[in-house]
Amino acid sequence: MGTDKDTKPNYYHIFEKNDPITIRRCSLEDLESVIQVNEKELPEDYPYFFYKSILDNYPESFLVACNRKGKVIGYIMWRVEKIPSIDNLKLENKGHLVSIAISKKYRKKGIASSLLANSMEEIGKYNIDEFVLEVRVSNYTAIRLYKKFNFTTQSIKSKYYRDGENAYYMILTVQNS
């Protein structure tokens, strides 16, 4: 799946405040700005091709938040992993939250919640059985956000991050009706 048809922004949410924030699909032109936000706000960095691969394969759930001037001030990206089920022989689709970051100046305005809600809806269209993520055990703000969305801690991944910090492995099972 290419990104050509996905370069037109799909607007998901607009904040009506003094500084309105628009949330839309990421485009190829946004990738350099996404990388800048990542490098400034998070200790984990990824190469350009990694972002491009996620954009090519899961464009609906790779979202950016932009300020009034159109500058990318946050993003979220997911991928789908097919994992053998523990209970039976079928493969399960896990929506894996790869990364989310918001520029410091724009935090505590509900942007991360909106990115998470809109992107989960989009990645859910891949018949997700479970949403999963890793989060630093010291990142209390992110942990509170994920708990607000009903994620629960399944385990601790010891020394998960390059600096040796542990990660909580959090999950949210999809209730199929």
C-alpha atoms as a PDB file:
ATOM      1  CA  MET A   1       0.000   0.000   0.000  1.00  0.00           C
ATOM      2  CA  GLY A   2       1.498   3.328  -1.042  1.00  0.00           C
ATOM      3  CA  THR A   3       1.058   6.717   0.480  1.00  0.00           C
ATOM      4  CA  ASP A   4      -0.050   8.573  -2.683  1.00  0.00           C
ATOM      5  CA  LYS A   5      -3.764   8.360  -1.926  1.00  0.00           C
ATOM      6  CA  ASP A   6      -3.099   9.237   1.699  1.00  0.00           C
ATOM      7  CA  THR A   7      -1.398  12.594   1.196  1.00  0.00           C
ATOM      8  CA  LYS A   8      -4.740  14.416   1.363  1.00  0.00           C
ATOM      9  CA  PRO A   9      -5.348  15.217   5.026  1.00  0.00           C
ATOM     10  CA  ASN A  10      -8.253  13.533   6.763  1.00  0.00           C
ATOM     11  CA  TYR A  11      -9.209  15.776   9.654  1.00  0.00           C
ATOM     12  CA  TYR A  12     -10.179  13.871  12.754  1.00  0.00           C
ATOM     13  CA  HIS A  13     -10.565  16.520  15.412  1.00  0.00           C
ATOM     14  CA  ILE A  14     -10.135  20.237  15.801  1.00  0.00           C
ATOM     15  CA  PHE A  15      -9.673  21.859  19.196  1.00  0.00           C
ATOM     16  CA  GLU A  16     -11.619  25.124  19.470  1.00  0.00           C
ATOM     17  CA  LYS A  17      -9.374  27.167  21.747  1.00  0.00           C
ATOM     18  CA  ASN A  18      -7.092  30.193  21.461  1.00  0.00           C
ATOM     19  CA  ASP A  19      -4.584  27.993  19.653  1.00  0.00           C
ATOM     20  CA  PRO A  20      -6.633  25.442  17.685  1.00  0.00           C
ATOM     21  CA  ILE A  21      -5.015  22.072  17.094  1.00  0.00           C
ATOM     22  CA  THR A  22      -5.871  19.949  14.089  1.00  0.00           C
ATOM     23  CA  ILE A  23      -5.438  16.188  14.115  1.00  0.00           C
ATOM     24  CA  ARG A  24      -5.130  14.521  10.738  1.00  0.00           C
ATOM     25  CA  ARG A  25      -3.437  11.686   8.915  1.00  0.00           C
ATOM     26  CA  CYS A  26       0.301  11.960   8.560  1.00  0.00           C
ATOM     27  CA  SER A  27       1.546  12.586   5.037  1.00  0.00           C
ATOM     28  CA  LEU A  28       4.905  11.876   3.459  1.00  0.00           C
ATOM     29  CA  GLU A  29       5.675  15.584   3.712  1.00  0.00           C
ATOM     30  CA  ASP A  30       5.164  15.428   7.499  1.00  0.00           C
ATOM     31  CA  LEU A  31       7.774  12.745   8.207  1.00  0.00           C
ATOM     32  CA  GLU A  32      10.733  15.091   8.768  1.00  0.00           C
ATOM     33  CA  SER A  33       8.653  17.117  11.245  1.00  0.00           C
ATOM     34  CA  VAL A  34       7.513  13.933  13.011  1.00  0.00           C
ATOM     35  CA  ILE A  35      11.150  12.877  13.343  1.00  0.00           C
ATOM     36  CA  GLN A  36      12.029  16.294  14.798  1.00  0.00           C
ATOM     37  CA  VAL A  37       9.281  15.983  17.439  1.00  0.00           C
ATOM     38  CA  ASN A  38      10.450  12.464  18.267  1.00  0.00           C
ATOM     39  CA  GLU A  39      14.111  13.446  18.583  1.00  0.00           C
ATOM     40  CA  LYS A  40      13.299  16.433  20.785  1.00  0.00           C
ATOM     41  CA  GLU A  41      10.733  14.763  23.065  1.00  0.00           C
ATOM     42  CA  LEU A  42      11.700  11.087  23.342  1.00  0.00           C
ATOM     43  CA  PRO A  43      14.937   9.258  24.077  1.00  0.00           C
ATOM     44  CA  GLU A  44      14.153   6.581  21.456  1.00  0.00           C
ATOM     45  CA  ASP A  45      14.950   7.433  17.848  1.00  0.00           C
ATOM     46  CA  TYR A  46      14.053   5.555  14.693  1.00  0.00           C
ATOM     47  CA  PRO A  47      15.525   5.782  11.181  1.00  0.00           C
ATOM     48  CA  TYR A  48      13.534   7.520   8.439  1.00  0.00           C
ATOM     49  CA  PHE A  49      12.706   4.231   6.676  1.00  0.00           C
ATOM     50  CA  PHE A  50      10.993   2.959   9.845  1.00  0.00           C
ATOM     51  CA  TYR A  51       8.557   5.889   9.872  1.00  0.00           C
ATOM     52  CA  LYS A  52       8.067   5.536   6.108  1.00  0.00           C
ATOM     53  CA  SER A  53       7.284   1.834   6.473  1.00  0.00           C
ATOM     54  CA  ILE A  54       4.620   2.526   9.105  1.00  0.00           C
ATOM     55  CA  LEU A  55       3.162   5.303   6.955  1.00  0.00           C
ATOM     56  CA  ASP A  56       3.074   3.006   3.906  1.00  0.00           C
ATOM     57  CA  ASN A  57       1.480   0.089   5.755  1.00  0.00           C
ATOM     58  CA  TYR A  58      -0.810   1.756   8.325  1.00  0.00           C
ATOM     59  CA  PRO A  59      -1.506   5.292   7.059  1.00  0.00           C
ATOM     60  CA  GLU A  60      -4.956   5.519   8.652  1.00  0.00           C
ATOM     61  CA  SER A  61      -3.559   5.196  12.167  1.00  0.00           C
ATOM     62  CA  PHE A  62      -0.434   7.338  11.735  1.00  0.00           C
ATOM     63  CA  LEU A  63      -1.762  10.704  12.863  1.00  0.00           C
ATOM     64  CA  VAL A  64      -0.223  14.110  13.450  1.00  0.00           C
ATOM     65  CA  ALA A  65      -1.360  17.050  15.554  1.00  0.00           C
ATOM     66  CA  CYS A  66      -0.694  20.463  14.015  1.00  0.00           C
ATOM     67  CA  ASN A  67      -0.905  23.940  15.487  1.00  0.00           C
ATOM     68  CA  ARG A  68      -2.769  26.855  13.907  1.00  0.00           C
ATOM     69  CA  LYS A  69       0.192  27.503  11.562  1.00  0.00           C
ATOM     70  CA  GLY A  70       0.240  23.867  10.378  1.00  0.00           C
ATOM     71  CA  LYS A  71       3.395  22.923  12.285  1.00  0.00           C
ATOM     72  CA  VAL A  72       3.500  19.297  13.513  1.00  0.00           C
ATOM     73  CA  ILE A  73       3.511  19.400  17.317  1.00  0.00           C
ATOM     74  CA  GLY A  74       2.704  15.745  18.003  1.00  0.00           C
ATOM     75  CA  TYR A  75       2.133  12.367  16.422  1.00  0.00           C
ATOM     76  CA  ILE A  76       1.086   8.781  17.052  1.00  0.00           C
ATOM     77  CA  MET A  77       1.878   5.667  15.029  1.00  0.00           C
ATOM     78  CA  TRP A  78       0.756   2.039  15.222  1.00  0.00           C
ATOM     79  CA  ARG A  79       1.521  -1.210  13.450  1.00  0.00           C
ATOM     80  CA  VAL A  80      -0.253  -4.557  13.328  1.00  0.00           C
ATOM     81  CA  GLU A  81       1.551  -7.680  14.486  1.00  0.00           C
ATOM     82  CA  LYS A  82       0.258 -11.179  13.830  1.00  0.00           C
ATOM     83  CA  ILE A  83       1.020 -13.318  16.870  1.00  0.00           C
ATOM     84  CA  PRO A  84       0.057 -16.959  17.527  1.00  0.00           C
ATOM     85  CA  SER A  85      -2.687 -17.220  20.134  1.00  0.00           C
ATOM     86  CA  ILE A  86      -1.799 -18.822  23.445  1.00  0.00           C
ATOM     87  CA  ASP A  87      -5.204 -20.543  23.598  1.00  0.00           C
ATOM     88  CA  ASN A  88      -5.457 -21.981  20.092  1.00  0.00           C
ATOM     89  CA  LEU A  89      -3.704 -22.230  16.742  1.00  0.00           C
ATOM     90  CA  LYS A  90      -5.110 -19.073  15.186  1.00  0.00           C
ATOM     91  CA  LEU A  91      -3.129 -15.892  14.630  1.00  0.00           C
ATOM     92  CA  GLU A  92      -4.195 -12.826  16.577  1.00  0.00           C
ATOM     93  CA  ASN A  93      -3.881  -9.267  15.313  1.00  0.00           C
ATOM     94  CA  LYS A  94      -2.264  -7.029  17.861  1.00  0.00           C
ATOM     95  CA  GLY A  95      -2.391  -3.297  17.343  1.00  0.00           C
ATOM     96  CA  HIS A  96       1.020  -2.225  18.675  1.00  0.00           C
ATOM     97  CA  LEU A  97       1.434   1.413  19.672  1.00  0.00           C
ATOM     98  CA  VAL A  98       4.901   2.161  18.333  1.00  0.00           C
ATOM     99  CA  SER A  99       5.264   5.761  19.446  1.00  0.00           C
ATOM    100  CA  ILE A 100       3.398   8.839  20.615  1.00  0.00           C
ATOM    101  CA  ALA A 101       4.916  12.244  21.388  1.00  0.00           C
ATOM    102  CA  ILE A 102       3.651  15.759  21.980  1.00  0.00           C
ATOM    103  CA  SER A 103       5.862  18.872  22.008  1.00  0.00           C
ATOM    104  CA  LYS A 104       6.343  20.051  25.590  1.00  0.00           C
ATOM    105  CA  LYS A 105       4.613  23.414  25.004  1.00  0.00           C
ATOM    106  CA  TYR A 106       1.417  21.622  23.899  1.00  0.00           C
ATOM    107  CA  ARG A 107       1.101  19.011  26.635  1.00  0.00           C
ATOM    108  CA  LYS A 108      -1.844  18.795  29.060  1.00  0.00           C
ATOM    109  CA  LYS A 109      -4.328  20.034  26.445  1.00  0.00           C
ATOM    110  CA  GLY A 110      -5.942  16.681  25.600  1.00  0.00           C
ATOM    111  CA  ILE A 111      -3.940  16.217  22.399  1.00  0.00           C
ATOM    112  CA  ALA A 112      -2.483  12.837  23.374  1.00  0.00           C
ATOM    113  CA  SER A 113      -5.953  11.579  24.372  1.00  0.00           C
ATOM    114  CA  SER A 114      -7.399  12.698  21.056  1.00  0.00           C
ATOM    115  CA  LEU A 115      -4.539  11.160  19.077  1.00  0.00           C
ATOM    116  CA  LEU A 116      -4.940   7.900  20.989  1.00  0.00           C
ATOM    117  CA  ALA A 117      -8.732   7.731  20.630  1.00  0.00           C
ATOM    118  CA  ASN A 118      -8.758   8.521  16.912  1.00  0.00           C
ATOM    119  CA  SER A 119      -5.830   6.274  16.044  1.00  0.00           C
ATOM    120  CA  MET A 120      -7.213   3.313  18.023  1.00  0.00           C
ATOM    121  CA  GLU A 121     -10.427   3.582  16.056  1.00  0.00           C
ATOM    122  CA  GLU A 122      -8.448   3.514  12.806  1.00  0.00           C
ATOM    123  CA  ILE A 123      -6.026   0.690  13.674  1.00  0.00           C
ATOM    124  CA  GLY A 124      -9.036  -1.232  15.010  1.00  0.00           C
ATOM    125  CA  LYS A 125     -10.267  -1.548  11.428  1.00  0.00           C
ATOM    126  CA  TYR A 126      -7.535  -4.181  10.938  1.00  0.00           C
ATOM    127  CA  ASN A 127      -9.610  -6.623  13.041  1.00  0.00           C
ATOM    128  CA  ILE A 128      -7.496  -6.098  16.129  1.00  0.00           C
ATOM    129  CA  ASP A 129      -7.870  -8.653  18.924  1.00  0.00           C
ATOM    130  CA  GLU A 130      -5.757  -6.691  21.371  1.00  0.00           C
ATOM    131  CA  PHE A 131      -4.032  -3.311  21.648  1.00  0.00           C
ATOM    132  CA  VAL A 132      -0.528  -3.474  23.154  1.00  0.00           C
ATOM    133  CA  LEU A 133       2.191  -1.019  24.112  1.00  0.00           C
ATOM    134  CA  GLU A 134       5.332  -0.582  26.146  1.00  0.00           C
ATOM    135  CA  VAL A 135       5.803   2.418  28.415  1.00  0.00           C
ATOM    136  CA  ARG A 136       8.657   3.448  30.688  1.00  0.00           C
ATOM    137  CA  VAL A 137       7.870   2.582  34.311  1.00  0.00           C
ATOM    138  CA  SER A 138       8.832   6.185  35.196  1.00  0.00           C
ATOM    139  CA  ASN A 139       6.447   7.785  32.664  1.00  0.00           C
ATOM    140  CA  TYR A 140       3.572   8.360  35.077  1.00  0.00           C
ATOM    141  CA  THR A 141       1.744  10.771  32.775  1.00  0.00           C
ATOM    142  CA  ALA A 142       1.611   8.245  29.926  1.00  0.00           C
ATOM    143  CA  ILE A 143       0.653   5.415  32.277  1.00  0.00           C
ATOM    144  CA  ARG A 144      -2.304   7.487  33.574  1.00  0.00           C
ATOM    145  CA  LEU A 145      -3.363   8.175  29.976  1.00  0.00           C
ATOM    146  CA  TYR A 146      -3.299   4.491  29.038  1.00  0.00           C
ATOM    147  CA  LYS A 147      -5.184   3.508  32.193  1.00  0.00           C
ATOM    148  CA  LYS A 148      -7.825   6.117  31.307  1.00  0.00           C
ATOM    149  CA  PHE A 149      -8.295   4.106  28.088  1.00  0.00           C
ATOM    150  CA  ASN A 150      -8.583   0.876  30.151  1.00  0.00           C
ATOM    151  CA  PHE A 151      -5.154  -0.543  29.335  1.00  0.00           C
ATOM    152  CA  THR A 152      -3.869  -2.851  32.069  1.00  0.00           C
ATOM    153  CA  THR A 153      -0.322  -3.852  32.913  1.00  0.00           C
ATOM    154  CA  GLN A 154       0.312  -7.439  31.872  1.00  0.00           C
ATOM    155  CA  SER A 155       4.017  -7.656  32.689  1.00  0.00           C
ATOM    156  CA  ILE A 156       7.277  -5.793  33.110  1.00  0.00           C
ATOM    157  CA  LYS A 157       9.913  -6.015  30.394  1.00  0.00           C
ATOM    158  CA  SER A 158      13.214  -5.838  32.203  1.00  0.00           C
ATOM    159  CA  LYS A 159      15.795  -3.414  30.769  1.00  0.00           C
ATOM    160  CA  TYR A 160      13.578  -2.845  27.720  1.00  0.00           C
ATOM    161  CA  TYR A 161      15.003   0.568  26.829  1.00  0.00           C
ATOM    162  CA  ARG A 162      18.532   1.305  25.658  1.00  0.00           C
ATOM    163  CA  ASP A 163      19.310   3.143  28.895  1.00  0.00           C
ATOM    164  CA  GLY A 164      18.332   0.040  30.891  1.00  0.00           C
ATOM    165  CA  GLU A 165      14.965   1.275  32.180  1.00  0.00           C
ATOM    166  CA  ASN A 166      12.162  -1.269  32.519  1.00  0.00           C
ATOM    167  CA  ALA A 167       8.906  -1.018  30.596  1.00  0.00           C
ATOM    168  CA  TYR A 168       5.380  -1.945  31.510  1.00  0.00           C
ATOM    169  CA  TYR A 169       3.783  -4.106  28.830  1.00  0.00           C
ATOM    170  CA  MET A 170       0.201  -2.900  28.753  1.00  0.00           C
ATOM    171  CA  ILE A 171      -2.740  -4.462  26.940  1.00  0.00           C
ATOM    172  CA  LEU A 172      -6.340  -3.752  26.102  1.00  0.00           C
ATOM    173  CA  THR A 173      -8.334  -6.736  24.849  1.00  0.00           C
ATOM    174  CA  VAL A 174     -10.967  -5.925  22.238  1.00  0.00           C
ATOM    175  CA  GLN A 175     -14.438  -7.068  23.184  1.00  0.00           C
ATOM    176  CA  ASN A 176     -15.865  -8.583  19.984  1.00  0.00           C
ATOM    177  CA  SER A 177     -19.639  -8.565  19.885  1.00  0.00           C
END
